[in-house]
């Protein structure tokens, strides 16, 4: 993203934003509500176009590429996708819909290898043997794990995870954080962008952080050298103290 500005009505929700995600990097995006995180992810997924500036995704510039074909190269999780999936849809079918970016399986045909791939990803997500269970009967944490499996089913070149931890209890959160940590630590995984609200939800293996405040970049760079008391306090407008526990973090007001 080069000098990107996005308006909602007359208000700029992102302003003069520069940001680059390179191969092998795992970025976490933090910032208060209204800082532009959701807008940023909509741009990265090709669902939104900037009023000014350039957005280039996997070598293709928005406005000069068929975004439908571009999205076939992306793995995306979001609350909108979760709400749009039919609750009666089987967990295996939820994963299979990710192959074509669909919301139902009746629009496409799926072979035995693709079904086996879906079951394999469900098993890695801790949902082995649950492929026939209705998506709506899974717990919130299990639904998020199934959505991550859906995002991975077509071996994406870029993985965009928009607040997958939202609404999870502590156990479900830790299960998902550990799964994302496994993905982040796997060198064969694509570059990843994770939006979250809490430092506690940063998985091990993430390499970079982008901090937003009022639609602008408050700080960006390698996680170890960029995420600290000062950068968090600046982004959230509150005195904050960051504590590192091995490969995890916690944060509280001072």
Foldseek 3Di string as FASTA:
>chain_A
DALFWADDVPATLAGGADDDFDWLAAEEEEFDPSQCPVVVLCVQLLNDDTPDDWDAHPNRIRVGDDSQVVNLQFQEDDPVLLVLADQQQFLLQLLVCLNRVHRGPPVDDDDPVLSVLSLVQLVLLVNHPRRRPGLNPDDLLSNLSSSNSSSPSNPHQEYEYEASVPPDDPVSLVSVLASVLVLLPDSSHHHYYYYHHFQQSHHFNHFKYFAGASNYTLWIDTPVPTDAQVSVCSRHVFRKGWDDDPRGIHMDGD
